[in-house]
Amino acid sequence: MRIDLHTHSTASDGLLAPTALIQAAHDAGLAIIALTDHDTTAGLAQASAAGDALGVTVIPGVEINTDLAGGGGEAHVLGYFLNWRDPDFQAMLGRRREERIQRGQSMVAQLQAIGIPITWEQVRRHADGAVGRPHVAAALIDLGLVDTVQAAFDTYLARGKPGYVPRVPFTPQQAVALIQQGGGVAVLAHPAYIPDLERVLADLVEVGLVGLETYYGQYDQAIITRLLDLTRTFHLIPTGGSDYHGPGIHPTPLGGQPPLPLMDYERLAAHGR
């Protein structure tokens, strides 16, 4: 049984609409897929309906972007099996999306200040839902200033570059709490790059982290082995996903990560019941 627990749609920074994403999952032979858009569940109704029609199980999910303390970089937290229609949970996600808009507008202003003729309207044309740096990157591509999203980040949007604006402080601990308040199960996403990962895990396990994304699309066997060791040390459930955003965005195709063992998915699902 093929499972992909990390995907994105046009509700955030993916290229495929939710219905098209589930069709692609079906065509790729996936039985279970989680839609984990950034700070939004706006695509879940369409995705769930498409899954029902095609026989693909759609897990309601979300991805929350956070920053580590002390300038330690980013950490992303995935939430699964959410009570996503809960109004209080949606209000909390709404505040995160409003912060995204304010951050995007500040990026545009900073780029304008160095002479780049970018507008907020150009950015919004690329964002059907939650706004992120990839949408600013797409506008820079439209202007002919860069050829790829990665080049836009490297030149303008990465930390320390002229268009970078830090997020409103939001910690991984707060993200775990938000997911729990939404009735969900929290998993640390693509963790191998996180400095001092053992300390971060120790802190997050204390507040309720359940899983660690171990079978990630871009990880080789050495990284997977290291992360599996950490799941045993911290009593976490290994999870897996491609982080699929659409053709040409990430090197891993939909469902193309090392396969997540069914027993690990079932352990995760048991926490979501």
C-alpha atoms as a PDB file:
ATOM      1  CA  MET A   1       0.000   0.000   0.000  1.00  0.00           C
ATOM      2  CA  ARG A   2       1.513   3.311  -1.105  1.00  0.00           C
ATOM      3  CA  ILE A   3       1.174   6.252   1.289  1.00  0.00           C
ATOM      4  CA  ASP A   4       2.244   9.905   1.011  1.00  0.00           C
ATOM      5  CA  LEU A   5       1.730  12.041   4.107  1.00  0.00           C
ATOM      6  CA  HIS A   6       3.205  15.346   2.902  1.00  0.00           C
ATOM      7  CA  THR A   7       1.694  17.157  -0.101  1.00  0.00           C
ATOM      8  CA  HIS A   8       0.644  20.676  -1.083  1.00  0.00           C
ATOM      9  CA  SER A   9      -1.992  22.174  -3.356  1.00  0.00           C
ATOM     10  CA  THR A  10      -2.900  25.589  -4.713  1.00  0.00           C
ATOM     11  CA  ALA A  11      -4.513  26.287  -1.343  1.00  0.00           C
ATOM     12  CA  SER A  12      -0.957  27.203  -0.319  1.00  0.00           C
ATOM     13  CA  ASP A  13       2.153  26.950  -2.518  1.00  0.00           C
ATOM     14  CA  GLY A  14       1.458  23.849  -4.610  1.00  0.00           C
ATOM     15  CA  LEU A  15       0.857  23.910  -8.352  1.00  0.00           C
ATOM     16  CA  LEU A  16      -2.102  21.500  -8.524  1.00  0.00           C
ATOM     17  CA  ALA A  17      -5.614  22.257  -7.340  1.00  0.00           C
ATOM     18  CA  PRO A  18      -6.774  19.879  -4.590  1.00  0.00           C
ATOM     19  CA  THR A  19      -8.932  17.815  -6.964  1.00  0.00           C
ATOM     20  CA  ALA A  20      -6.105  17.545  -9.485  1.00  0.00           C
ATOM     21  CA  LEU A  21      -3.671  16.544  -6.721  1.00  0.00           C
ATOM     22  CA  ILE A  22      -5.884  13.650  -5.631  1.00  0.00           C
ATOM     23  CA  GLN A  23      -6.313  12.578  -9.259  1.00  0.00           C
ATOM     24  CA  ALA A  24      -2.524  12.579  -9.602  1.00  0.00           C
ATOM     25  CA  ALA A  25      -2.245  10.534  -6.410  1.00  0.00           C
ATOM     26  CA  HIS A  26      -4.734   8.015  -7.775  1.00  0.00           C
ATOM     27  CA  ASP A  27      -2.871   7.820 -11.074  1.00  0.00           C
ATOM     28  CA  ALA A  28       0.395   7.251  -9.168  1.00  0.00           C
ATOM     29  CA  GLY A  29      -1.136   4.298  -7.336  1.00  0.00           C
ATOM     30  CA  LEU A  30      -1.414   5.928  -3.907  1.00  0.00           C
ATOM     31  CA  ALA A  31      -3.976   4.538  -1.485  1.00  0.00           C
ATOM     32  CA  ILE A  32      -3.553   7.167   1.245  1.00  0.00           C
ATOM     33  CA  ILE A  33      -2.528  10.810   0.960  1.00  0.00           C
ATOM     34  CA  ALA A  34      -2.387  13.678   3.447  1.00  0.00           C
ATOM     35  CA  LEU A  35      -2.980  17.205   2.198  1.00  0.00           C
ATOM     36  CA  THR A  36      -0.730  19.392   4.349  1.00  0.00           C
ATOM     37  CA  ASP A  37      -0.940  22.932   3.018  1.00  0.00           C
ATOM     38  CA  HIS A  38       0.854  25.717   4.869  1.00  0.00           C
ATOM     39  CA  ASP A  39      -1.314  27.312   7.561  1.00  0.00           C
ATOM     40  CA  THR A  40      -4.566  26.450   5.798  1.00  0.00           C
ATOM     41  CA  THR A  41      -7.092  23.648   5.364  1.00  0.00           C
ATOM     42  CA  ALA A  42      -8.909  25.408   2.519  1.00  0.00           C
ATOM     43  CA  GLY A  43      -8.239  22.576   0.077  1.00  0.00           C
ATOM     44  CA  LEU A  44      -9.517  19.741   2.256  1.00  0.00           C
ATOM     45  CA  ALA A  45     -13.177  19.787   1.243  1.00  0.00           C
ATOM     46  CA  GLN A  46     -12.330  19.440  -2.450  1.00  0.00           C
ATOM     47  CA  ALA A  47      -9.588  16.896  -1.772  1.00  0.00           C
ATOM     48  CA  SER A  48     -11.828  14.756   0.420  1.00  0.00           C
ATOM     49  CA  ALA A  49     -14.611  14.748  -2.175  1.00  0.00           C
ATOM     50  CA  ALA A  50     -12.148  13.746  -4.884  1.00  0.00           C
ATOM     51  CA  GLY A  51     -10.740  11.025  -2.648  1.00  0.00           C
ATOM     52  CA  ASP A  52     -14.203   9.608  -2.018  1.00  0.00           C
ATOM     53  CA  ALA A  53     -14.859   9.505  -5.760  1.00  0.00           C
ATOM     54  CA  LEU A  54     -11.537   7.886  -6.643  1.00  0.00           C
ATOM     55  CA  GLY A  55     -11.081   5.549  -3.700  1.00  0.00           C
ATOM     56  CA  VAL A  56      -8.121   7.440  -2.226  1.00  0.00           C
ATOM     57  CA  THR A  57      -8.098   8.010   1.546  1.00  0.00           C
ATOM     58  CA  VAL A  58      -7.419  11.697   2.245  1.00  0.00           C
ATOM     59  CA  ILE A  59      -5.999  12.519   5.679  1.00  0.00           C
ATOM     60  CA  PRO A  60      -6.851  16.066   6.823  1.00  0.00           C
ATOM     61  CA  GLY A  61      -3.554  17.786   7.548  1.00  0.00           C
ATOM     62  CA  VAL A  62      -1.679  21.067   7.775  1.00  0.00           C
ATOM     63  CA  GLU A  63       1.926  22.280   7.874  1.00  0.00           C
ATOM     64  CA  ILE A  64       2.861  25.040  10.317  1.00  0.00           C
ATOM     65  CA  ASN A  65       6.042  27.028   9.666  1.00  0.00           C
ATOM     66  CA  THR A  66       7.942  28.075  12.791  1.00  0.00           C
ATOM     67  CA  ASP A  67      11.298  29.501  13.842  1.00  0.00           C
ATOM     68  CA  LEU A  68      13.685  27.962  16.339  1.00  0.00           C
ATOM     69  CA  ALA A  69      14.838  30.028  19.289  1.00  0.00           C
ATOM     70  CA  GLY A  70      18.080  31.957  19.122  1.00  0.00           C
ATOM     71  CA  GLY A  71      18.168  32.334  15.359  1.00  0.00           C
ATOM     72  CA  GLY A  72      18.496  28.588  14.861  1.00  0.00           C
ATOM     73  CA  GLY A  73      16.561  28.563  11.591  1.00  0.00           C
ATOM     74  CA  GLU A  74      13.191  27.137  10.692  1.00  0.00           C
ATOM     75  CA  ALA A  75      11.317  24.068  11.852  1.00  0.00           C
ATOM     76  CA  HIS A  76       8.066  22.919  10.275  1.00  0.00           C
ATOM     77  CA  VAL A  77       5.430  20.929  12.129  1.00  0.00           C
ATOM     78  CA  LEU A  78       2.874  18.724  10.385  1.00  0.00           C
ATOM     79  CA  GLY A  79      -0.564  18.049  11.832  1.00  0.00           C
ATOM     80  CA  TYR A  80      -2.705  15.029  10.905  1.00  0.00           C
ATOM     81  CA  PHE A  81      -6.258  13.775  11.550  1.00  0.00           C
ATOM     82  CA  LEU A  82      -7.459  17.274  12.360  1.00  0.00           C
ATOM     83  CA  ASN A  83     -10.933  18.327  13.407  1.00  0.00           C
ATOM     84  CA  TRP A  84     -10.384  20.895  10.707  1.00  0.00           C
ATOM     85  CA  ARG A  85     -13.872  22.346  10.650  1.00  0.00           C
ATOM     86  CA  ASP A  86     -13.629  23.421  14.303  1.00  0.00           C
ATOM     87  CA  PRO A  87     -14.196  27.218  14.346  1.00  0.00           C
ATOM     88  CA  ASP A  88     -11.642  27.924  17.077  1.00  0.00           C
ATOM     89  CA  PHE A  89      -8.965  25.998  15.174  1.00  0.00           C
ATOM     90  CA  GLN A  90      -9.848  27.864  11.985  1.00  0.00           C
ATOM     91  CA  ALA A  91      -9.610  31.192  13.804  1.00  0.00           C
ATOM     92  CA  MET A  92      -6.077  30.327  14.924  1.00  0.00           C
ATOM     93  CA  LEU A  93      -5.061  29.368  11.380  1.00  0.00           C
ATOM     94  CA  GLY A  94      -6.666  32.572  10.118  1.00  0.00           C
ATOM     95  CA  ARG A  95      -4.358  34.621  12.313  1.00  0.00           C
ATOM     96  CA  ARG A  96      -1.369  32.758  10.865  1.00  0.00           C
ATOM     97  CA  ARG A  97      -2.513  33.521   7.320  1.00  0.00           C
ATOM     98  CA  GLU A  98      -3.000  37.205   8.145  1.00  0.00           C
ATOM     99  CA  GLU A  99       0.594  37.293   9.382  1.00  0.00           C
ATOM    100  CA  ARG A 100       1.635  35.733   6.065  1.00  0.00           C
ATOM    101  CA  ILE A 101      -0.093  38.545   4.164  1.00  0.00           C
ATOM    102  CA  GLN A 102       1.613  41.206   6.262  1.00  0.00           C
ATOM    103  CA  ARG A 103       4.975  39.513   5.754  1.00  0.00           C
ATOM    104  CA  GLY A 104       4.458  39.262   1.993  1.00  0.00           C
ATOM    105  CA  GLN A 105       3.524  42.914   1.743  1.00  0.00           C
ATOM    106  CA  SER A 106       6.658  43.854   3.684  1.00  0.00           C
ATOM    107  CA  MET A 107       8.776  41.782   1.284  1.00  0.00           C
ATOM    108  CA  VAL A 108       7.270  43.607  -1.663  1.00  0.00           C
ATOM    109  CA  ALA A 109       7.988  46.968  -0.002  1.00  0.00           C
ATOM    110  CA  GLN A 110      11.619  46.017   0.649  1.00  0.00           C
ATOM    111  CA  LEU A 111      12.112  44.861  -2.934  1.00  0.00           C
ATOM    112  CA  GLN A 112      10.535  48.065  -4.213  1.00  0.00           C
ATOM    113  CA  ALA A 113      12.960  50.029  -2.014  1.00  0.00           C
ATOM    114  CA  ILE A 114      15.915  48.584  -3.959  1.00  0.00           C
ATOM    115  CA  GLY A 115      14.332  49.453  -7.294  1.00  0.00           C
ATOM    116  CA  ILE A 116      12.506  46.255  -8.230  1.00  0.00           C
ATOM    117  CA  PRO A 117       9.151  47.064  -9.874  1.00  0.00           C
ATOM    118  CA  ILE A 118       7.198  44.332  -8.116  1.00  0.00           C
ATOM    119  CA  THR A 119       3.655  44.888  -6.837  1.00  0.00           C
ATOM    120  CA  TRP A 120       1.482  43.106  -4.299  1.00  0.00           C
ATOM    121  CA  GLU A 121      -1.072  42.494  -7.030  1.00  0.00           C
ATOM    122  CA  GLN A 122       1.532  40.545  -9.019  1.00  0.00           C
ATOM    123  CA  VAL A 123       2.254  38.352  -6.016  1.00  0.00           C
ATOM    124  CA  ARG A 124      -1.435  37.714  -5.305  1.00  0.00           C
ATOM    125  CA  ARG A 125      -1.969  36.479  -8.861  1.00  0.00           C
ATOM    126  CA  HIS A 126       0.088  33.431  -7.944  1.00  0.00           C
ATOM    127  CA  ALA A 127      -1.568  32.781  -4.564  1.00  0.00           C
ATOM    128  CA  ASP A 128      -4.981  31.123  -4.564  1.00  0.00           C
ATOM    129  CA  GLY A 129      -4.744  30.672  -0.810  1.00  0.00           C
ATOM    130  CA  ALA A 130      -2.114  31.213   1.884  1.00  0.00           C
ATOM    131  CA  VAL A 131       0.652  33.550   0.685  1.00  0.00           C
ATOM    132  CA  GLY A 132       4.293  32.504   0.941  1.00  0.00           C
ATOM    133  CA  ARG A 133       7.730  33.355  -0.365  1.00  0.00           C
ATOM    134  CA  PRO A 134       7.279  31.054  -3.402  1.00  0.00           C
ATOM    135  CA  HIS A 135       4.551  33.410  -4.623  1.00  0.00           C
ATOM    136  CA  VAL A 136       6.899  36.392  -4.344  1.00  0.00           C
ATOM    137  CA  ALA A 137       9.472  34.292  -6.195  1.00  0.00           C
ATOM    138  CA  ALA A 138       6.955  33.606  -8.976  1.00  0.00           C
ATOM    139  CA  ALA A 139       6.367  37.339  -9.393  1.00  0.00           C
ATOM    140  CA  LEU A 140      10.134  37.909  -9.660  1.00  0.00           C
ATOM    141  CA  ILE A 141      10.252  35.257 -12.388  1.00  0.00           C
ATOM    142  CA  ASP A 142       7.435  37.062 -14.233  1.00  0.00           C
ATOM    143  CA  LEU A 143       9.543  40.225 -14.118  1.00  0.00           C
ATOM    144  CA  GLY A 144      12.436  38.381 -15.755  1.00  0.00           C
ATOM    145  CA  LEU A 145      14.773  38.980 -12.808  1.00  0.00           C
ATOM    146  CA  VAL A 146      15.386  35.282 -12.133  1.00  0.00           C
ATOM    147  CA  ASP A 147      14.689  32.022 -13.938  1.00  0.00           C
ATOM    148  CA  THR A 148      13.710  29.759 -11.051  1.00  0.00           C
ATOM    149  CA  VAL A 149      12.166  29.846  -7.580  1.00  0.00           C
ATOM    150  CA  GLN A 150      15.473  28.717  -6.105  1.00  0.00           C
ATOM    151  CA  ALA A 151      17.305  31.571  -7.833  1.00  0.00           C
ATOM    152  CA  ALA A 152      14.748  34.011  -6.412  1.00  0.00           C
ATOM    153  CA  PHE A 153      15.415  32.711  -2.918  1.00  0.00           C
ATOM    154  CA  ASP A 154      19.183  32.719  -3.380  1.00  0.00           C
ATOM    155  CA  THR A 155      19.236  36.282  -4.707  1.00  0.00           C
ATOM    156  CA  TYR A 156      16.363  38.046  -2.964  1.00  0.00           C
ATOM    157  CA  LEU A 157      14.287  36.070  -0.475  1.00  0.00           C
ATOM    158  CA  ALA A 158      16.491  33.858   1.704  1.00  0.00           C
ATOM    159  CA  ARG A 159      17.558  34.917   5.171  1.00  0.00           C
ATOM    160  CA  GLY A 160      20.034  37.807   4.854  1.00  0.00           C
ATOM    161  CA  LYS A 161      18.903  38.769   1.328  1.00  0.00           C
ATOM    162  CA  PRO A 162      17.300  42.150   0.516  1.00  0.00           C
ATOM    163  CA  GLY A 163      13.719  40.866   0.317  1.00  0.00           C
ATOM    164  CA  TYR A 164      13.804  38.693   3.417  1.00  0.00           C
ATOM    165  CA  VAL A 165      11.397  39.553   6.219  1.00  0.00           C
ATOM    166  CA  PRO A 166      11.321  37.442   9.392  1.00  0.00           C
ATOM    167  CA  ARG A 167       8.055  35.872  10.451  1.00  0.00           C
ATOM    168  CA  VAL A 168       6.151  36.979  13.513  1.00  0.00           C
ATOM    169  CA  PRO A 169       7.772  34.779  16.189  1.00  0.00           C
ATOM    170  CA  PHE A 170       6.020  31.419  16.422  1.00  0.00           C
ATOM    171  CA  THR A 171       7.752  28.449  18.012  1.00  0.00           C
ATOM    172  CA  PRO A 172       7.517  24.736  17.228  1.00  0.00           C
ATOM    173  CA  GLN A 173       6.038  24.282  20.707  1.00  0.00           C
ATOM    174  CA  GLN A 174       3.249  26.702  19.791  1.00  0.00           C
ATOM    175  CA  ALA A 175       2.664  24.801  16.550  1.00  0.00           C
ATOM    176  CA  VAL A 176       2.337  21.501  18.423  1.00  0.00           C
ATOM    177  CA  ALA A 177      -0.164  23.148  20.777  1.00  0.00           C
ATOM    178  CA  LEU A 178      -2.140  24.595  17.851  1.00  0.00           C
ATOM    179  CA  ILE A 179      -2.364  21.164  16.208  1.00  0.00           C
ATOM    180  CA  GLN A 180      -3.428  19.563  19.466  1.00  0.00           C
ATOM    181  CA  GLN A 181      -6.130  22.210  19.904  1.00  0.00           C
ATOM    182  CA  GLY A 182      -7.354  21.187  16.458  1.00  0.00           C
ATOM    183  CA  GLY A 183      -7.595  17.589  17.627  1.00  0.00           C
ATOM    184  CA  GLY A 184      -4.606  16.562  15.533  1.00  0.00           C
ATOM    185  CA  VAL A 185      -1.386  14.596  15.833  1.00  0.00           C
ATOM    186  CA  ALA A 186       1.887  16.583  15.574  1.00  0.00           C
ATOM    187  CA  VAL A 187       4.921  15.421  13.564  1.00  0.00           C
ATOM    188  CA  LEU A 188       8.211  17.256  12.970  1.00  0.00           C
ATOM    189  CA  ALA A 189       8.690  17.727   9.217  1.00  0.00           C
ATOM    190  CA  HIS A 190      11.912  17.112   7.206  1.00  0.00           C
ATOM    191  CA  PRO A 191      14.023  17.306  10.364  1.00  0.00           C
ATOM    192  CA  ALA A 192      17.496  16.273   9.194  1.00  0.00           C
ATOM    193  CA  TYR A 193      18.649  19.851   8.527  1.00  0.00           C
ATOM    194  CA  ILE A 194      17.735  21.102  12.016  1.00  0.00           C
ATOM    195  CA  PRO A 195      20.807  21.910  14.130  1.00  0.00           C
ATOM    196  CA  ASP A 196      20.941  20.279  17.550  1.00  0.00           C
ATOM    197  CA  LEU A 197      18.025  18.080  16.534  1.00  0.00           C
ATOM    198  CA  GLU A 198      18.215  15.930  19.662  1.00  0.00           C
ATOM    199  CA  ARG A 199      17.634  18.947  21.909  1.00  0.00           C
ATOM    200  CA  VAL A 200      14.760  20.164  19.730  1.00  0.00           C
ATOM    201  CA  LEU A 201      13.132  16.735  19.870  1.00  0.00           C
ATOM    202  CA  ALA A 202      13.510  16.515  23.627  1.00  0.00           C
ATOM    203  CA  ASP A 203      11.747  19.870  23.996  1.00  0.00           C
ATOM    204  CA  LEU A 204       8.930  18.959  21.585  1.00  0.00           C
ATOM    205  CA  VAL A 205       8.296  15.509  23.002  1.00  0.00           C
ATOM    206  CA  GLU A 206       7.608  17.196  26.345  1.00  0.00           C
ATOM    207  CA  VAL A 207       4.741  19.180  24.789  1.00  0.00           C
ATOM    208  CA  GLY A 208       3.232  16.303  22.830  1.00  0.00           C
ATOM    209  CA  LEU A 209       5.131  15.655  19.582  1.00  0.00           C
ATOM    210  CA  VAL A 210       4.104  12.209  18.302  1.00  0.00           C
ATOM    211  CA  GLY A 211       6.090  11.599  15.112  1.00  0.00           C
ATOM    212  CA  LEU A 212       9.212  12.341  13.086  1.00  0.00           C
ATOM    213  CA  GLU A 213       9.201  12.578   9.287  1.00  0.00           C
ATOM    214  CA  THR A 214      11.794   9.912   8.584  1.00  0.00           C
ATOM    215  CA  TYR A 215      11.043   8.583   5.080  1.00  0.00           C
ATOM    216  CA  TYR A 216      11.306  11.974   3.375  1.00  0.00           C
ATOM    217  CA  GLY A 217      11.558  12.256  -0.372  1.00  0.00           C
ATOM    218  CA  GLN A 218      15.070  13.691  -0.477  1.00  0.00           C
ATOM    219  CA  TYR A 219      16.702  11.553   2.238  1.00  0.00           C
ATOM    220  CA  ASP A 220      19.226   8.823   1.521  1.00  0.00           C
ATOM    221  CA  GLN A 221      19.509   5.639   3.553  1.00  0.00           C
ATOM    222  CA  ALA A 222      22.133   7.065   5.920  1.00  0.00           C
ATOM    223  CA  ILE A 223      19.819   9.919   6.933  1.00  0.00           C
ATOM    224  CA  ILE A 224      16.847   7.577   7.264  1.00  0.00           C
ATOM    225  CA  THR A 225      18.870   5.260   9.517  1.00  0.00           C
ATOM    226  CA  ARG A 226      19.888   8.183  11.741  1.00  0.00           C
ATOM    227  CA  LEU A 227      16.304   9.389  12.027  1.00  0.00           C
ATOM    228  CA  LEU A 228      15.017   5.897  12.775  1.00  0.00           C
ATOM    229  CA  ASP A 229      17.504   5.754  15.648  1.00  0.00           C
ATOM    230  CA  LEU A 230      16.074   9.027  16.953  1.00  0.00           C
ATOM    231  CA  THR A 231      12.497   7.729  16.749  1.00  0.00           C
ATOM    232  CA  ARG A 232      13.521   4.862  19.005  1.00  0.00           C
ATOM    233  CA  THR A 233      15.392   7.142  21.395  1.00  0.00           C
ATOM    234  CA  PHE A 234      12.458   9.550  21.764  1.00  0.00           C
ATOM    235  CA  HIS A 235       9.636   7.003  21.308  1.00  0.00           C
ATOM    236  CA  LEU A 236       8.325   8.720  18.194  1.00  0.00           C
ATOM    237  CA  ILE A 237       6.474   7.259  15.216  1.00  0.00           C
ATOM    238  CA  PRO A 238       8.345   7.377  11.880  1.00  0.00           C
ATOM    239  CA  THR A 239       6.292   9.001   9.122  1.00  0.00           C
ATOM    240  CA  GLY A 240       6.985   9.711   5.473  1.00  0.00           C
ATOM    241  CA  GLY A 241       6.093  11.972   2.585  1.00  0.00           C
ATOM    242  CA  SER A 242       7.315  13.448  -0.669  1.00  0.00           C
ATOM    243  CA  ASP A 243       6.686  17.140   0.157  1.00  0.00           C
ATOM    244  CA  TYR A 244       5.129  17.276  -3.296  1.00  0.00           C
ATOM    245  CA  HIS A 245       4.353  20.770  -4.568  1.00  0.00           C
ATOM    246  CA  GLY A 246       3.898  19.957  -8.248  1.00  0.00           C
ATOM    247  CA  PRO A 247       6.004  19.151 -11.296  1.00  0.00           C
ATOM    248  CA  GLY A 248       9.430  20.796 -11.204  1.00  0.00           C
ATOM    249  CA  ILE A 249       9.202  22.200  -7.654  1.00  0.00           C
ATOM    250  CA  HIS A 250      10.848  19.400  -5.660  1.00  0.00           C
ATOM    251  CA  PRO A 251      12.941  16.566  -7.078  1.00  0.00           C
ATOM    252  CA  THR A 252      10.721  13.901  -5.510  1.00  0.00           C
ATOM    253  CA  PRO A 253       7.599  12.892  -7.466  1.00  0.00           C
ATOM    254  CA  LEU A 254       4.258  12.363  -5.777  1.00  0.00           C
ATOM    255  CA  GLY A 255       4.506   9.250  -3.647  1.00  0.00           C
ATOM    256  CA  GLY A 256       8.147   8.863  -4.639  1.00  0.00           C
ATOM    257  CA  GLN A 257       9.741   8.874  -1.207  1.00  0.00           C
ATOM    258  CA  PRO A 258      11.091   5.668   0.359  1.00  0.00           C
ATOM    259  CA  PRO A 259       7.916   3.797   1.309  1.00  0.00           C
ATOM    260  CA  LEU A 260       6.388   4.383   4.710  1.00  0.00           C
ATOM    261  CA  PRO A 261       5.727   1.002   6.346  1.00  0.00           C
ATOM    262  CA  LEU A 262       2.009   0.386   6.775  1.00  0.00           C
ATOM    263  CA  MET A 263       2.461  -0.490  10.444  1.00  0.00           C
ATOM    264  CA  ASP A 264       3.916   2.974  11.127  1.00  0.00           C
ATOM    265  CA  TYR A 265       0.981   4.631   9.382  1.00  0.00           C
ATOM    266  CA  GLU A 266      -1.392   2.520  11.464  1.00  0.00           C
ATOM    267  CA  ARG A 267       0.389   3.573  14.659  1.00  0.00           C
ATOM    268  CA  LEU A 268      -0.007   7.229  13.642  1.00  0.00           C
ATOM    269  CA  ALA A 269      -3.653   6.721  12.726  1.00  0.00           C
ATOM    270  CA  ALA A 270      -4.301   5.131  16.122  1.00  0.00           C
ATOM    271  CA  HIS A 271      -3.214   8.399  17.745  1.00  0.00           C
ATOM    272  CA  GLY A 272      -5.654  10.270  15.528  1.00  0.00           C
ATOM    273  CA  ARG A 273      -8.705   8.326  16.601  1.00  0.00           C
END
